[in-house]
Amino acid sequence: MSGLSEFRSFFKQFLGIVTAGVAATAVVLIASIAKLAPPWPIQVVELTAIAQLVALAFVFQFLRSAGSARIGRIMMRAALLCGLSLIVYLGSHSVLVFNLPDGSTAARGLYCSQDALTVYSVDCPILSDSQLAKAEYSSSRLWTPVGLLLSRMMLFVSWIFFFLSLVVVLGAFVVYQRRVT
């Protein structure tokens, strides 16, 4: 095989990986358009796509020679993680994410600021839409920096775990099926 034909073969495989990455990202984009994406970080779709591509590379690297029993165990564990992280994400999203007047979203914090505790002690930290409006949707006035960070991280990590475990399930399935056929 000449250097050029070897490069052509490599390039075709690389395009296949990019295509798989684009397909995996389509689900992320749909979730984002449906306003299910976490409000933080702003580049969540791009970060998720990169993480999915890395996970896909790991699946191919470490499962291409694995036996069917090992692939089955990994698929089952990843499917379980996928389901659990989806439940955590959707539950957290329904409680923590709120709509801003401009149509974007933001996350409630887990710990109220001293000012918010004084005014909304009974309702803290899950403040209503009318309470948010009275505070002009100012997250920094309502919640502590640590409280905001924890809620954002909980949303982001459960989002990432869902999509990574989904990629592992689908990638492991493809790796195994390619060998069978």
Protein backbone atom coordinates (compact mmCIF):
# COMPACT_ATOMS: atom_id res chain seq x y z
CA MET A 1 0.00 0.00 0.00
CA SER A 2 1.43 3.35 -0.98
CA GLY A 3 1.54 6.32 1.38
CA LEU A 4 -1.22 8.05 -0.55
CA SER A 5 -3.60 5.08 -0.49
CA GLU A 6 -2.88 4.58 3.21
CA PHE A 7 -3.70 8.24 3.82
CA ARG A 8 -6.90 7.90 1.76
CA SER A 9 -7.96 4.92 3.87
CA PHE A 10 -7.20 6.83 7.07
CA PHE A 11 -9.10 9.88 5.80
CA LYS A 12 -12.19 7.78 4.96
CA GLN A 13 -12.14 6.32 8.47
CA PHE A 14 -11.70 9.80 9.94
CA LEU A 15 -14.71 11.07 7.94
CA GLY A 16 -16.71 8.15 9.30
CA ILE A 17 -15.84 9.21 12.85
CA VAL A 18 -16.79 12.82 12.09
CA THR A 19 -20.09 11.63 10.61
CA ALA A 20 -20.79 9.58 13.73
CA GLY A 21 -19.98 12.63 15.86
CA VAL A 22 -22.36 14.78 13.83
CA ALA A 23 -25.11 12.18 14.20
CA ALA A 24 -24.57 12.00 17.96
CA THR A 25 -24.64 15.79 18.17
CA ALA A 26 -27.98 15.94 16.36
CA VAL A 27 -29.73 14.61 19.49
CA VAL A 28 -27.98 17.26 21.58
CA LEU A 29 -29.07 19.99 19.16
CA ILE A 30 -32.67 18.79 19.24
CA ALA A 31 -32.63 18.82 23.05
CA SER A 32 -31.16 22.32 22.98
CA ILE A 33 -33.77 23.61 20.55
CA ALA A 34 -36.48 22.10 22.75
CA LYS A 35 -35.06 24.21 25.61
CA LEU A 36 -33.95 21.13 27.53
CA ALA A 37 -30.27 22.05 27.56
CA PRO A 38 -28.81 23.37 30.80
CA PRO A 39 -28.45 27.15 30.90
CA TRP A 40 -24.78 26.87 31.85
CA PRO A 41 -22.22 26.74 30.35
CA ILE A 42 -23.29 28.74 27.32
CA GLN A 43 -21.29 26.40 25.03
CA VAL A 44 -22.99 23.27 26.40
CA VAL A 45 -23.87 21.90 22.95
CA GLU A 46 -20.30 22.25 21.70
CA LEU A 47 -18.80 20.78 24.89
CA THR A 48 -21.23 17.87 24.74
CA ALA A 49 -20.33 17.18 21.10
CA ILE A 50 -16.62 17.13 21.92
CA ALA A 51 -17.20 14.85 24.93
CA GLN A 52 -19.29 12.50 22.78
CA LEU A 53 -16.57 12.27 20.15
CA VAL A 54 -13.97 11.47 22.81
CA ALA A 55 -16.28 8.82 24.32
CA LEU A 56 -16.81 7.32 20.87
CA ALA A 57 -13.04 7.11 20.36
CA PHE A 58 -12.67 5.36 23.73
CA VAL A 59 -15.44 2.90 22.87
CA PHE A 60 -13.76 2.01 19.61
CA GLN A 61 -10.28 1.82 21.15
CA PHE A 62 -11.17 -0.33 24.14
CA LEU A 63 -14.10 -2.42 22.90
CA ARG A 64 -13.11 -3.38 19.36
CA SER A 65 -11.40 -6.53 20.62
CA ALA A 66 -13.60 -7.13 23.68
CA GLY A 67 -15.70 -10.26 23.96
CA SER A 68 -19.46 -10.19 23.66
CA ALA A 69 -19.95 -10.74 27.41
CA ARG A 70 -17.79 -7.72 28.27
CA ILE A 71 -19.53 -5.55 25.68
CA GLY A 72 -22.90 -6.68 27.05
CA ARG A 73 -21.90 -5.75 30.62
CA ILE A 74 -20.63 -2.36 29.53
CA MET A 75 -23.79 -1.71 27.54
CA MET A 76 -25.99 -2.65 30.52
CA ARG A 77 -24.04 -0.41 32.91
CA ALA A 78 -24.05 2.45 30.43
CA ALA A 79 -27.80 2.00 29.83
CA LEU A 80 -28.42 2.08 33.59
CA LEU A 81 -26.30 5.24 33.94
CA CYS A 82 -28.12 6.71 30.94
CA GLY A 83 -31.52 6.15 32.56
CA LEU A 84 -30.47 7.36 36.00
CA SER A 85 -28.75 10.48 34.69
CA LEU A 86 -31.79 11.29 32.54
CA ILE A 87 -34.07 11.04 35.58
CA VAL A 88 -31.71 13.22 37.65
CA TYR A 89 -31.34 15.73 34.84
CA LEU A 90 -35.02 16.09 34.03
CA GLY A 91 -35.95 16.33 37.71
CA SER A 92 -33.23 18.90 38.40
CA HIS A 93 -34.11 20.84 35.25
CA SER A 94 -37.79 21.04 36.20
CA VAL A 95 -36.97 22.45 39.64
CA LEU A 96 -33.86 24.55 39.01
CA VAL A 97 -34.26 26.10 35.55
CA PHE A 98 -36.42 29.15 34.99
CA ASN A 99 -37.22 31.35 31.99
CA LEU A 100 -35.93 34.88 31.73
CA PRO A 101 -38.03 37.65 30.11
CA ASP A 102 -35.80 37.57 26.99
CA GLY A 103 -36.63 33.88 26.39
CA SER A 104 -33.32 32.50 27.62
CA THR A 105 -33.02 30.35 30.74
CA ALA A 106 -31.08 30.50 33.98
CA ALA A 107 -30.58 28.21 36.96
CA ARG A 108 -31.79 28.75 40.50
CA GLY A 109 -29.14 28.37 43.15
CA LEU A 110 -29.18 25.82 45.96
CA TYR A 111 -28.41 28.35 48.70
CA CYS A 112 -30.07 31.74 49.10
CA SER A 113 -28.15 34.92 49.77
CA GLN A 114 -28.66 36.64 53.13
CA ASP A 115 -30.87 39.26 51.48
CA ALA A 116 -33.06 36.63 49.83
CA LEU A 117 -33.31 34.67 53.09
CA THR A 118 -34.53 37.79 54.84
CA VAL A 119 -37.24 38.45 52.28
CA TYR A 120 -38.16 34.91 51.11
CA SER A 121 -37.11 32.70 54.03
CA VAL A 122 -39.89 30.13 53.67
CA ASP A 123 -39.50 29.72 49.90
CA CYS A 124 -35.70 29.71 49.66
CA PRO A 125 -34.00 28.41 47.59
CA ILE A 126 -36.78 27.50 45.13
CA LEU A 127 -38.25 30.91 44.46
CA SER A 128 -41.38 31.41 42.36
CA ASP A 129 -41.54 33.25 39.06
CA SER A 130 -43.13 36.27 40.70
CA GLN A 131 -40.40 36.38 43.35
CA LEU A 132 -37.77 36.17 40.62
CA ALA A 133 -39.44 39.03 38.76
CA LYS A 134 -39.51 41.20 41.91
CA ALA A 135 -35.74 40.68 42.21
CA GLU A 136 -35.32 41.51 38.51
CA TYR A 137 -34.10 37.95 37.84
CA SER A 138 -30.75 38.80 39.43
CA SER A 139 -29.20 35.46 40.34
CA SER A 140 -26.36 37.10 42.24
CA ARG A 141 -28.85 38.93 44.47
CA LEU A 142 -30.90 35.81 45.21
CA TRP A 143 -28.38 32.99 45.59
CA THR A 144 -24.84 32.55 46.84
CA PRO A 145 -22.05 31.94 44.31
CA VAL A 146 -21.52 28.43 45.72
CA GLY A 147 -25.25 27.72 45.54
CA LEU A 148 -25.34 28.79 41.88
CA LEU A 149 -22.22 26.80 41.05
CA LEU A 150 -23.59 23.62 42.64
CA SER A 151 -26.92 23.81 40.82
CA ARG A 152 -25.23 24.57 37.49
CA MET A 153 -22.76 21.72 37.97
CA MET A 154 -25.52 19.29 38.93
CA LEU A 155 -27.39 20.14 35.74
CA PHE A 156 -24.28 20.04 33.54
CA VAL A 157 -22.86 16.80 34.97
CA SER A 158 -26.15 14.91 34.73
CA TRP A 159 -26.57 16.24 31.15
CA ILE A 160 -23.07 15.11 30.17
CA PHE A 161 -23.47 11.71 31.88
CA PHE A 162 -26.70 11.13 29.97
CA PHE A 163 -25.19 11.87 26.58
CA LEU A 164 -21.90 10.09 27.24
CA SER A 165 -23.61 6.94 28.48
CA LEU A 166 -25.95 7.07 25.48
CA VAL A 167 -22.93 7.23 23.15
CA VAL A 168 -21.30 4.32 24.99
CA VAL A 169 -24.43 2.17 24.60
CA LEU A 170 -24.80 2.97 20.91
CA GLY A 171 -21.06 2.84 20.18
CA ALA A 172 -20.65 -0.52 21.90
CA PHE A 173 -23.61 -1.86 19.95
CA VAL A 174 -22.08 -0.72 16.66
CA VAL A 175 -18.63 -2.13 17.55
CA TYR A 176 -20.14 -5.52 18.35
CA GLN A 177 -22.46 -5.59 15.32
CA ARG A 178 -19.57 -4.72 12.97
CA ARG A 179 -17.77 -7.83 14.16
CA VAL A 180 -20.81 -10.08 13.87
CA THR A 181 -21.55 -9.16 10.26
